[in-house]
N, C-alpha and C. Protein backbone atom coordinates (compact mmCIF):
# COMPACT_ATOMS: atom_id res chain seq x y z
N MET A 1 -13.57 -0.67 -48.98
CA MET A 1 -11.77 -0.69 -48.67
C MET A 1 -11.34 0.89 -48.03
N ARG A 2 -11.45 1.06 -47.54
CA ARG A 2 -10.70 2.41 -47.12
C ARG A 2 -9.70 2.95 -47.75
N SER A 3 -9.89 4.46 -48.44
CA SER A 3 -8.38 4.86 -48.90
C SER A 3 -7.51 5.23 -47.98
N ALA A 4 -5.84 4.99 -48.64
CA ALA A 4 -4.73 5.38 -47.72
C ALA A 4 -5.02 6.48 -47.35
N THR A 5 -5.35 7.77 -47.44
CA THR A 5 -5.70 8.80 -46.94
C THR A 5 -6.61 8.84 -45.40
N THR A 6 -7.64 8.12 -45.48
CA THR A 6 -8.49 8.02 -44.64
C THR A 6 -7.98 7.20 -43.56
N LEU A 7 -7.39 6.13 -43.99
CA LEU A 7 -6.60 5.41 -43.01
C LEU A 7 -5.46 6.03 -42.47
N ALA A 8 -4.74 6.95 -43.02
CA ALA A 8 -3.46 7.99 -42.58
C ALA A 8 -4.31 8.88 -41.59
N VAL A 9 -5.31 9.44 -41.86
CA VAL A 9 -6.13 10.53 -40.77
C VAL A 9 -6.23 9.66 -39.90
N GLY A 10 -6.47 8.59 -39.89
CA GLY A 10 -7.56 7.89 -38.91
C GLY A 10 -6.43 7.50 -37.72
N LEU A 11 -5.62 6.56 -38.36
CA LEU A 11 -3.96 6.64 -37.37
C LEU A 11 -3.64 7.80 -36.73
N LEU A 12 -3.10 8.91 -37.41
CA LEU A 12 -2.86 10.28 -36.89
C LEU A 12 -3.64 10.53 -35.56
N ALA A 13 -4.78 10.38 -35.73
CA ALA A 13 -5.66 11.03 -34.69
C ALA A 13 -5.87 10.02 -33.71
N ALA A 14 -5.63 8.45 -33.94
CA ALA A 14 -5.26 7.72 -32.74
C ALA A 14 -4.22 7.90 -32.09
N LEU A 15 -2.79 8.25 -32.68
CA LEU A 15 -1.69 8.32 -32.29
C LEU A 15 -1.81 9.94 -31.15
N LEU A 16 -2.47 10.98 -31.81
CA LEU A 16 -2.79 11.94 -31.11
C LEU A 16 -3.42 12.56 -30.25
N THR A 17 -4.45 11.23 -30.15
CA THR A 17 -5.59 11.70 -28.95
C THR A 17 -4.99 10.78 -27.63
N PRO A 18 -4.95 11.60 -26.71
CA PRO A 18 -4.25 11.41 -25.22
C PRO A 18 -4.62 9.86 -24.79
N SER A 19 -3.76 8.91 -24.42
CA SER A 19 -4.26 7.54 -24.09
C SER A 19 -5.28 7.41 -23.02
N ALA A 20 -5.53 8.57 -22.07
CA ALA A 20 -6.64 8.48 -21.09
C ALA A 20 -8.00 8.55 -21.74
N ALA A 21 -7.87 9.37 -22.86
CA ALA A 21 -9.14 9.43 -23.71
C ALA A 21 -9.80 8.05 -24.79
N ARG A 22 -8.70 7.23 -24.60
CA ARG A 22 -9.01 6.48 -25.40
C ARG A 22 -9.23 5.18 -24.75
N SER A 23 -10.76 4.88 -24.82
CA SER A 23 -11.46 3.92 -23.95
C SER A 23 -11.51 2.72 -24.37
N THR A 24 -10.91 1.37 -23.87
CA THR A 24 -11.37 0.13 -24.41
C THR A 24 -12.07 -0.59 -23.60
N PRO A 25 -12.78 -1.36 -23.70
CA PRO A 25 -13.48 -2.52 -22.46
C PRO A 25 -12.67 -2.28 -21.30
N HIS A 26 -11.15 -2.66 -21.68
CA HIS A 26 -10.52 -3.28 -20.66
C HIS A 26 -10.22 -2.28 -19.72
N SER A 27 -10.03 -0.84 -20.63
CA SER A 27 -9.23 0.35 -19.49
C SER A 27 -10.17 1.27 -19.50
N PRO A 28 -11.10 1.55 -18.75
CA PRO A 28 -12.28 2.25 -18.81
C PRO A 28 -11.58 3.55 -18.34
N MET A 29 -12.29 4.60 -18.75
CA MET A 29 -11.52 6.12 -18.60
C MET A 29 -11.22 6.54 -16.83
N PRO A 30 -10.47 7.21 -16.64
CA PRO A 30 -10.36 7.62 -14.73
C PRO A 30 -11.52 8.57 -14.78
N PRO A 31 -12.17 8.96 -13.77
CA PRO A 31 -13.23 9.89 -13.46
C PRO A 31 -12.27 11.47 -13.74
N GLN A 32 -12.88 12.20 -14.14
CA GLN A 32 -12.43 13.33 -14.37
C GLN A 32 -12.43 14.12 -13.16
N ASP A 33 -11.20 15.06 -13.33
CA ASP A 33 -11.26 15.60 -12.11
C ASP A 33 -10.94 15.24 -10.63
N ARG A 34 -10.62 13.77 -10.84
CA ARG A 34 -9.93 13.00 -9.72
C ARG A 34 -8.46 13.25 -9.49
N LYS A 35 -7.77 13.68 -8.34
CA LYS A 35 -6.61 13.66 -7.86
C LYS A 35 -5.87 12.02 -8.05
N ASP A 36 -4.72 11.62 -8.30
CA ASP A 36 -4.60 10.50 -8.07
C ASP A 36 -4.24 9.95 -6.39
N TYR A 37 -4.07 10.68 -5.80
CA TYR A 37 -3.87 10.58 -4.39
C TYR A 37 -5.48 10.43 -3.56
N LEU A 38 -6.57 10.84 -4.18
CA LEU A 38 -7.60 10.83 -3.58
C LEU A 38 -8.45 9.59 -3.70
N SER A 39 -9.34 8.92 -2.92
CA SER A 39 -9.98 7.97 -3.50
C SER A 39 -11.19 8.43 -4.27
N GLU A 40 -12.12 7.67 -4.32
CA GLU A 40 -12.98 7.94 -5.59
C GLU A 40 -14.23 8.94 -4.66
N GLY A 41 -14.53 8.25 -3.41
CA GLY A 41 -15.46 8.81 -2.54
C GLY A 41 -14.87 10.41 -1.83
N GLU A 42 -13.61 10.29 -1.61
CA GLU A 42 -12.80 11.92 -1.28
C GLU A 42 -13.39 12.75 -2.77
N GLY A 43 -12.83 12.43 -3.93
CA GLY A 43 -13.16 13.01 -5.16
C GLY A 43 -14.46 13.53 -5.21
N ASP A 44 -15.15 12.69 -4.83
CA ASP A 44 -17.04 12.86 -4.72
C ASP A 44 -17.30 13.88 -4.08
N GLN A 45 -16.67 13.80 -2.57
CA GLN A 45 -16.58 14.99 -1.82
C GLN A 45 -16.13 16.51 -2.03
N ILE A 46 -15.12 16.70 -2.51
CA ILE A 46 -14.59 17.52 -3.33
C ILE A 46 -15.12 18.34 -4.21
N ARG A 47 -15.83 16.99 -5.17
CA ARG A 47 -16.61 18.22 -6.58
C ARG A 47 -17.71 18.45 -5.78
N GLU A 48 -18.59 17.78 -4.59
CA GLU A 48 -19.62 18.40 -4.15
C GLU A 48 -19.70 19.48 -3.54
N ALA A 49 -18.68 19.66 -3.07
CA ALA A 49 -18.36 21.04 -2.12
C ALA A 49 -18.16 22.48 -2.87
N TYR A 50 -18.91 23.32 -3.14
CA TYR A 50 -18.34 24.36 -4.39
C TYR A 50 -17.51 25.03 -3.60
N GLU A 51 -18.02 25.58 -2.31
CA GLU A 51 -17.26 26.70 -1.90
C GLU A 51 -16.07 26.37 -1.50
N PRO A 52 -15.10 27.26 -1.83
CA PRO A 52 -13.50 27.12 -1.55
C PRO A 52 -13.14 26.79 0.12
N ALA A 53 -13.93 27.76 0.77
CA ALA A 53 -13.91 26.95 2.29
C ALA A 53 -14.20 25.57 2.53
N ASP A 54 -15.24 24.66 2.18
CA ASP A 54 -15.72 23.87 2.35
C ASP A 54 -14.34 22.63 1.63
N ARG A 55 -14.20 23.20 0.67
CA ARG A 55 -12.71 22.33 -0.17
C ARG A 55 -11.48 22.51 0.65
N ILE A 56 -11.51 23.76 1.25
CA ILE A 56 -9.87 23.69 1.98
C ILE A 56 -10.09 22.76 3.43
N ALA A 57 -11.50 23.23 4.01
CA ALA A 57 -11.45 21.91 5.08
C ALA A 57 -11.51 20.60 4.99
N LEU A 58 -11.83 20.15 3.44
CA LEU A 58 -11.64 18.86 3.16
C LEU A 58 -10.35 18.55 3.11
N TYR A 59 -9.43 19.34 2.43
CA TYR A 59 -8.48 18.83 1.97
C TYR A 59 -7.49 18.84 3.22
N MET A 60 -7.62 19.63 4.26
CA MET A 60 -7.32 19.59 5.34
C MET A 60 -6.99 18.04 6.17
N LYS A 61 -8.67 17.99 6.17
CA LYS A 61 -9.27 16.26 6.84
C LYS A 61 -8.32 15.24 6.11
N PHE A 62 -7.97 15.58 4.40
CA PHE A 62 -7.41 14.59 4.02
C PHE A 62 -6.05 14.21 4.01
N ALA A 63 -5.60 15.72 4.44
CA ALA A 63 -4.16 15.53 4.67
C ALA A 63 -3.41 15.16 5.85
N GLU A 64 -4.72 15.44 6.85
CA GLU A 64 -4.27 14.97 8.33
C GLU A 64 -4.56 13.33 8.17
N ASP A 65 -5.51 13.09 7.39
CA ASP A 65 -5.70 11.34 7.21
C ASP A 65 -4.19 10.76 6.82
N ARG A 66 -3.68 11.32 5.42
CA ARG A 66 -2.42 10.91 4.91
C ARG A 66 -1.66 10.96 6.11
N LEU A 67 -1.30 11.97 6.96
CA LEU A 67 -0.05 11.61 7.81
C LEU A 67 -0.02 10.91 9.02
N LYS A 68 -1.42 10.92 8.96
CA LYS A 68 -1.87 9.52 10.48
C LYS A 68 -1.82 8.32 9.71
N LYS A 69 -2.02 8.54 8.73
CA LYS A 69 -1.35 7.03 7.81
C LYS A 69 0.23 6.59 7.86
N PHE A 70 0.73 7.51 7.48
CA PHE A 70 2.09 7.50 7.33
C PHE A 70 3.01 7.07 8.58
N GLN A 71 2.24 7.93 9.56
CA GLN A 71 3.08 7.71 11.11
C GLN A 71 2.73 6.17 11.34
N TYR A 72 1.22 5.75 10.82
CA TYR A 72 1.00 4.24 11.30
C TYR A 72 2.00 3.30 10.74
N GLU A 73 2.31 3.76 9.24
CA GLU A 73 3.13 2.80 8.75
C GLU A 73 4.39 2.67 9.23
N LEU A 74 4.96 3.81 9.80
CA LEU A 74 6.46 3.87 9.82
C LEU A 74 6.49 3.43 11.21
N ASN A 75 5.29 3.67 12.08
CA ASN A 75 5.37 2.58 13.51
C ASN A 75 4.95 1.05 13.35
N ARG A 76 4.63 0.72 12.51
CA ARG A 76 4.42 -1.01 12.44
C ARG A 76 5.59 -1.48 12.43
N LYS A 77 5.39 -2.79 13.11
CA LYS A 77 6.32 -3.62 13.25
C LYS A 77 6.53 -4.69 12.15
N VAL A 78 5.14 -5.39 11.50
CA VAL A 78 5.21 -5.90 10.35
C VAL A 78 5.50 -5.30 9.04
N GLN A 79 6.43 -5.56 8.41
CA GLN A 79 6.98 -4.43 7.20
C GLN A 79 6.68 -4.84 6.21
N ASP A 80 6.10 -4.24 5.20
CA ASP A 80 5.46 -4.62 4.03
C ASP A 80 6.97 -4.74 2.87
N ARG A 81 7.07 -5.48 1.90
CA ARG A 81 7.97 -5.39 1.25
C ARG A 81 8.37 -4.45 0.53
N ARG A 82 6.93 -3.26 0.34
CA ARG A 82 6.69 -2.34 -0.63
C ARG A 82 7.15 -0.88 0.50
N ARG A 83 7.24 -1.45 1.56
CA ARG A 83 7.57 0.08 2.56
C ARG A 83 7.91 0.95 2.24
N SER A 84 9.10 1.15 1.76
CA SER A 84 9.72 2.60 1.15
C SER A 84 8.64 3.11 0.40
N GLU A 85 8.01 2.38 -0.74
CA GLU A 85 6.83 3.00 -1.63
C GLU A 85 5.67 3.45 -1.22
N VAL A 86 5.23 2.73 -0.03
CA VAL A 86 4.02 3.27 0.69
C VAL A 86 4.28 4.45 1.41
N LEU A 87 5.43 4.30 2.24
CA LEU A 87 5.66 5.78 2.74
C LEU A 87 6.11 6.80 1.99
N ASN A 88 6.79 6.60 0.61
CA ASN A 88 6.82 7.82 0.03
C ASN A 88 5.43 8.32 -0.65
N ASN A 89 4.47 7.14 -0.81
CA ASN A 89 3.30 7.69 -1.63
C ASN A 89 2.48 8.83 -0.55
N MET A 90 2.40 8.00 0.92
CA MET A 90 2.02 8.68 1.95
C MET A 90 2.10 10.37 1.96
N LEU A 91 3.38 10.39 1.91
CA LEU A 91 4.13 11.79 1.97
C LEU A 91 3.49 12.81 0.79
N ASN A 92 3.57 11.83 -0.54
CA ASN A 92 3.16 12.59 -1.42
C ASN A 92 1.68 12.92 -1.70
N ALA A 93 0.78 11.85 -1.12
CA ALA A 93 -0.15 12.54 -1.07
C ALA A 93 -0.67 13.30 0.22
N TYR A 94 -0.07 13.92 1.11
CA TYR A 94 -0.29 14.75 1.95
C TYR A 94 -0.01 16.08 1.54
N THR A 95 1.28 16.15 0.80
CA THR A 95 1.64 17.16 0.33
C THR A 95 0.66 17.52 -1.06
N GLY A 96 -0.02 16.56 -1.60
CA GLY A 96 -0.69 17.10 -3.09
C GLY A 96 -1.96 17.40 -2.34
N CYS A 97 -2.49 17.10 -0.97
CA CYS A 97 -3.71 17.74 -0.51
C CYS A 97 -3.00 19.22 0.27
N MET A 98 -2.10 19.18 0.67
CA MET A 98 -1.80 20.96 0.94
C MET A 98 -2.17 21.62 -0.05
N ASP A 99 -1.19 21.00 -1.09
CA ASP A 99 -1.26 21.82 -2.28
C ASP A 99 -2.27 22.31 -2.53
N ASP A 100 -3.57 21.35 -2.72
CA ASP A 100 -4.57 21.95 -3.37
C ASP A 100 -5.25 22.57 -2.34
N ALA A 101 -5.40 22.42 -1.19
CA ALA A 101 -6.10 23.41 -0.02
C ALA A 101 -5.55 24.76 -0.49
N ALA A 102 -3.92 25.21 -0.43
CA ALA A 102 -3.65 26.29 -0.93
C ALA A 102 -4.24 26.95 -2.11
N ASP A 103 -4.11 26.17 -3.12
CA ASP A 103 -4.94 26.51 -4.51
C ASP A 103 -6.08 27.02 -4.50
N GLN A 104 -7.00 26.73 -3.10
CA GLN A 104 -8.28 27.14 -2.76
C GLN A 104 -8.41 28.30 -2.25
N ILE A 105 -7.07 28.80 -1.89
CA ILE A 105 -7.40 30.13 -1.13
C ILE A 105 -7.33 31.17 -2.33
N ALA A 106 -6.67 30.80 -3.25
CA ALA A 106 -7.11 31.94 -4.47
C ALA A 106 -8.23 31.98 -5.33
N VAL A 107 -8.73 30.70 -5.14
CA VAL A 107 -9.94 30.31 -5.69
C VAL A 107 -11.35 31.20 -4.99
N GLY A 108 -11.07 31.20 -3.61
CA GLY A 108 -11.95 32.14 -2.52
C GLY A 108 -11.64 33.47 -3.11
N LYS A 109 -10.46 33.72 -2.93
CA LYS A 109 -10.38 35.26 -3.04
C LYS A 109 -10.86 35.83 -4.22
N GLU A 110 -10.96 35.17 -5.62
CA GLU A 110 -11.44 35.29 -6.61
C GLU A 110 -13.03 35.73 -6.61
N ARG A 111 -13.51 34.69 -6.11
CA ARG A 111 -14.79 34.59 -5.56
C ARG A 111 -15.53 35.57 -4.56
N GLN A 112 -14.35 36.18 -4.25
CA GLN A 112 -14.76 36.99 -2.85
C GLN A 112 -15.54 36.30 -1.55
N SER A 113 -15.20 34.94 -1.60
CA SER A 113 -15.87 33.97 -0.58
C SER A 113 -15.63 34.29 0.74
N ASP A 114 -16.24 34.21 1.63
CA ASP A 114 -15.62 34.26 3.02
C ASP A 114 -15.13 32.80 3.53
N ILE A 115 -13.57 32.72 3.47
CA ILE A 115 -12.61 31.79 3.63
C ILE A 115 -11.94 31.83 5.00
N HIS A 116 -12.20 33.01 5.82
CA HIS A 116 -11.73 33.36 6.91
C HIS A 116 -11.76 32.32 8.11
N GLY A 117 -12.45 31.21 7.84
CA GLY A 117 -12.68 30.47 9.23
C GLY A 117 -11.63 29.05 8.58
N ALA A 118 -11.72 28.82 7.17
CA ALA A 118 -10.86 27.82 7.06
C ALA A 118 -9.53 28.17 6.45
N LEU A 119 -9.17 29.63 6.68
CA LEU A 119 -7.84 29.84 6.65
C LEU A 119 -7.08 29.71 8.27
N LYS A 120 -8.14 30.03 9.21
CA LYS A 120 -7.83 30.27 10.79
C LYS A 120 -7.28 28.10 10.65
N LEU A 121 -8.65 27.23 10.21
CA LEU A 121 -8.27 26.07 10.31
C LEU A 121 -6.94 25.62 9.54
N MET A 122 -6.60 26.25 8.31
CA MET A 122 -5.71 25.53 7.55
C MET A 122 -4.31 26.13 8.48
N LYS A 123 -4.14 27.00 9.15
CA LYS A 123 -3.18 27.68 9.56
C LYS A 123 -2.79 27.00 10.76
N SER A 124 -3.76 26.61 11.83
CA SER A 124 -3.77 25.80 13.20
C SER A 124 -3.49 24.15 12.56
N LYS A 125 -3.86 23.60 11.41
CA LYS A 125 -3.85 22.46 11.22
C LYS A 125 -2.43 22.06 10.39
N GLY A 126 -2.09 23.22 9.76
CA GLY A 126 -0.56 22.99 8.98
C GLY A 126 0.17 23.29 10.12
N ASN A 127 0.37 24.16 10.99
CA ASN A 127 1.67 24.39 11.95
C ASN A 127 1.74 23.10 13.14
N GLU A 128 0.84 22.23 13.20
CA GLU A 128 0.68 21.03 13.94
C GLU A 128 1.46 19.84 12.95
N PHE A 129 0.85 19.88 11.53
CA PHE A 129 1.15 19.08 10.67
C PHE A 129 3.06 19.56 10.27
N LEU A 130 3.38 20.77 10.37
CA LEU A 130 4.72 21.00 10.04
C LEU A 130 5.74 20.76 11.22
N ASP A 131 5.27 20.62 12.45
CA ASP A 131 5.25 20.25 13.69
C ASP A 131 6.02 18.69 13.64
N ILE A 132 5.31 17.87 13.35
CA ILE A 132 5.63 16.46 13.42
C ILE A 132 6.43 16.41 12.00
N LEU A 133 6.14 16.85 11.02
CA LEU A 133 7.14 16.83 9.73
C LEU A 133 8.72 16.97 10.44
N GLU A 134 8.73 18.09 11.04
CA GLU A 134 10.14 18.62 11.42
C GLU A 134 10.69 17.75 12.26
N LYS A 135 9.88 17.31 13.27
CA LYS A 135 10.50 16.06 14.27
C LYS A 135 10.87 15.02 13.57
N LEU A 136 10.10 14.85 12.55
CA LEU A 136 10.39 13.29 11.80
C LEU A 136 11.71 13.49 11.07
N GLN A 137 11.75 14.85 10.70
CA GLN A 137 13.17 15.18 9.70
C GLN A 137 14.65 15.20 11.13
N GLU A 138 14.14 15.29 11.93
CA GLU A 138 15.18 15.31 12.99
C GLU A 138 15.54 13.83 13.25
N LYS A 139 14.29 13.11 13.83
CA LYS A 139 15.09 12.01 14.38
C LYS A 139 13.65 11.02 13.70
N GLY A 140 13.60 11.05 12.59
CA GLY A 140 12.60 10.03 12.26
C GLY A 140 13.42 8.59 11.57
N GLN A 141 12.57 7.64 12.00
CA GLN A 141 13.31 6.31 11.82
C GLN A 141 12.90 6.07 10.36
N GLU A 142 14.05 5.17 9.52
CA GLU A 142 14.44 5.25 8.42
C GLU A 142 14.23 6.04 7.90
N LEU A 143 14.75 7.34 7.91
CA LEU A 143 14.72 8.70 7.36
C LEU A 143 15.33 8.50 5.92
N ASP A 144 16.33 7.68 5.55
CA ASP A 144 16.73 7.39 4.40
C ASP A 144 15.65 7.29 2.76
N THR A 145 14.83 6.50 3.62
CA THR A 145 14.12 5.89 2.54
C THR A 145 12.98 6.78 2.29
N TYR A 146 12.67 7.72 3.14
CA TYR A 146 11.56 8.85 2.69
C TYR A 146 12.43 10.17 2.62
N LYS A 147 13.49 10.32 2.85
CA LYS A 147 14.02 11.83 3.14
C LYS A 147 13.56 12.88 2.14
N ASP A 148 13.65 12.59 0.87
CA ASP A 148 13.35 13.62 -0.34
C ASP A 148 11.80 14.12 -0.24
N THR A 149 11.35 13.18 0.00
CA THR A 149 9.68 13.21 -0.02
C THR A 149 9.55 13.81 1.32
N LEU A 150 9.78 13.78 2.29
CA LEU A 150 9.43 14.54 3.50
C LEU A 150 10.30 16.07 3.49
N LEU A 151 11.21 16.34 2.74
CA LEU A 151 11.79 17.58 2.24
C LEU A 151 10.63 18.26 1.78
N ASP A 152 10.25 17.89 0.62
CA ASP A 152 9.08 18.24 -0.39
C ASP A 152 7.75 18.96 0.75
N ALA A 153 7.51 17.92 1.67
CA ALA A 153 6.26 17.55 2.55
C ALA A 153 6.49 19.03 3.18
N ILE A 154 7.72 19.02 3.71
CA ILE A 154 8.13 20.20 4.68
C ILE A 154 7.76 21.64 3.87
N ASP A 155 8.83 21.46 2.62
CA ASP A 155 8.40 22.72 1.77
C ASP A 155 7.09 23.12 1.58
N GLY A 156 6.28 22.27 1.07
CA GLY A 156 4.91 22.28 0.64
C GLY A 156 4.07 22.98 1.95
N THR A 157 4.28 22.57 2.86
CA THR A 157 3.64 22.77 4.00
C THR A 157 3.96 24.39 4.46
N LYS A 158 5.24 24.73 4.38
CA LYS A 158 5.17 26.01 4.83
C LYS A 158 5.13 26.90 3.70
N GLU A 159 5.06 26.63 2.12
CA GLU A 159 4.28 27.54 1.12
C GLU A 159 3.15 27.72 1.48
N ALA A 160 1.92 26.54 1.91
CA ALA A 160 0.60 26.86 2.34
C ALA A 160 0.54 27.54 3.58
N LEU A 161 1.65 27.44 4.52
CA LEU A 161 1.26 28.19 5.57
C LEU A 161 1.40 29.87 5.11
N THR A 162 2.30 30.21 4.39
CA THR A 162 3.02 31.57 3.71
C THR A 162 1.42 31.67 3.20
N ASP A 163 0.78 31.31 2.28
CA ASP A 163 -0.13 31.41 1.12
C ASP A 163 -1.35 31.91 2.31
N VAL A 164 -1.36 31.29 3.53
CA VAL A 164 -2.51 31.31 4.57
C VAL A 164 -2.12 32.73 4.93
N ASP A 165 -1.14 33.12 5.67
CA ASP A 165 -0.76 34.45 6.04
C ASP A 165 -0.98 35.29 5.35
N ASN A 166 -0.40 35.26 3.99
CA ASN A 166 -0.81 36.40 2.63
C ASN A 166 -2.34 36.87 2.92
N ALA A 167 -3.24 35.52 2.49
CA ALA A 167 -4.51 35.70 2.41
C ALA A 167 -4.88 36.38 3.55
N LEU A 168 -4.85 36.00 4.65
CA LEU A 168 -5.25 36.55 6.11
C LEU A 168 -4.88 38.50 6.27
N LYS A 169 -3.93 38.99 5.36
CA LYS A 169 -3.71 39.74 5.76
C LYS A 169 -4.40 40.55 4.63
N THR A 170 -4.77 39.93 3.21
CA THR A 170 -5.14 40.42 2.03
C THR A 170 -6.54 40.31 1.91
N ALA A 171 -6.84 39.34 2.01
CA ALA A 171 -8.36 38.95 1.88
C ALA A 171 -9.71 39.81 1.96
N ALA A 172 -10.31 40.36 1.46
CA ALA A 172 -11.39 41.07 1.80
C ALA A 172 -12.54 40.34 2.40
N PRO A 173 -13.27 40.84 3.22
CA PRO A 173 -14.26 40.18 3.47
C PRO A 173 -15.28 40.00 2.80
N PRO A 174 -16.24 38.71 2.94
CA PRO A 174 -17.03 38.61 1.44
C PRO A 174 -18.16 40.28 1.57
N PRO A 175 -18.97 40.15 0.34
CA PRO A 175 -19.84 41.52 0.23
C PRO A 175 -20.83 41.12 1.41
N VAL A 176 -21.58 42.39 1.81
CA VAL A 176 -22.85 42.41 2.98
C VAL A 176 -23.83 42.53 2.09
N ARG A 177 -24.56 41.44 2.19
CA ARG A 177 -25.98 41.63 1.43
C ARG A 177 -26.57 42.65 2.27
N ARG A 178 -27.45 43.55 1.51
CA ARG A 178 -28.22 44.61 2.73
C ARG A 178 -29.78 44.11 2.28
N LYS A 179 -30.42 44.34 3.53
CA LYS A 179 -31.99 43.82 3.21
C LYS A 179 -32.55 44.78 2.16
N GLN A 180 -33.49 44.43 1.68
CA GLN A 180 -34.46 45.59 0.92
C GLN A 180 -35.38 45.95 1.78
N PRO A 181 -35.76 47.12 1.47
CA PRO A 181 -36.95 47.46 2.37
C PRO A 181 -38.02 47.06 1.39
């Protein structure tokens, strides 16, 4: 029989352990480092891409995918009963991709990686995305169902583009390796 102290310590530890860390046969632990808006395969691609420039390119690809899916859902004739939820989730996922791409700029600068190509891609795609989002803000159908999320997506895209512009001005080129004689 366990003592009251041992039982109390075990109970306290169980309560203080985050629920994600407590694994039961019916609730496996989620994969580590996986964002909730990325599929398992996309999360694997991000983890496998070590260079910030590669990660930026992937996040931009995923952001574009989410925006295209959002537009598809918006233009579907047959409406799902969870339509509002689906539309908002797509825009939130888009915003998450843009935020994570912008976060990789700081990582690239810290590592002194060559991210200039990725920055140009991000600026080009980000401006395309911003045009689409602003058109939706002006005359998007069913705007009331996703207006707040759309505003967040526009703000996130503008912030990411500001980060790109700042990085293009301040990012030092990667160190040049000289050949040994």
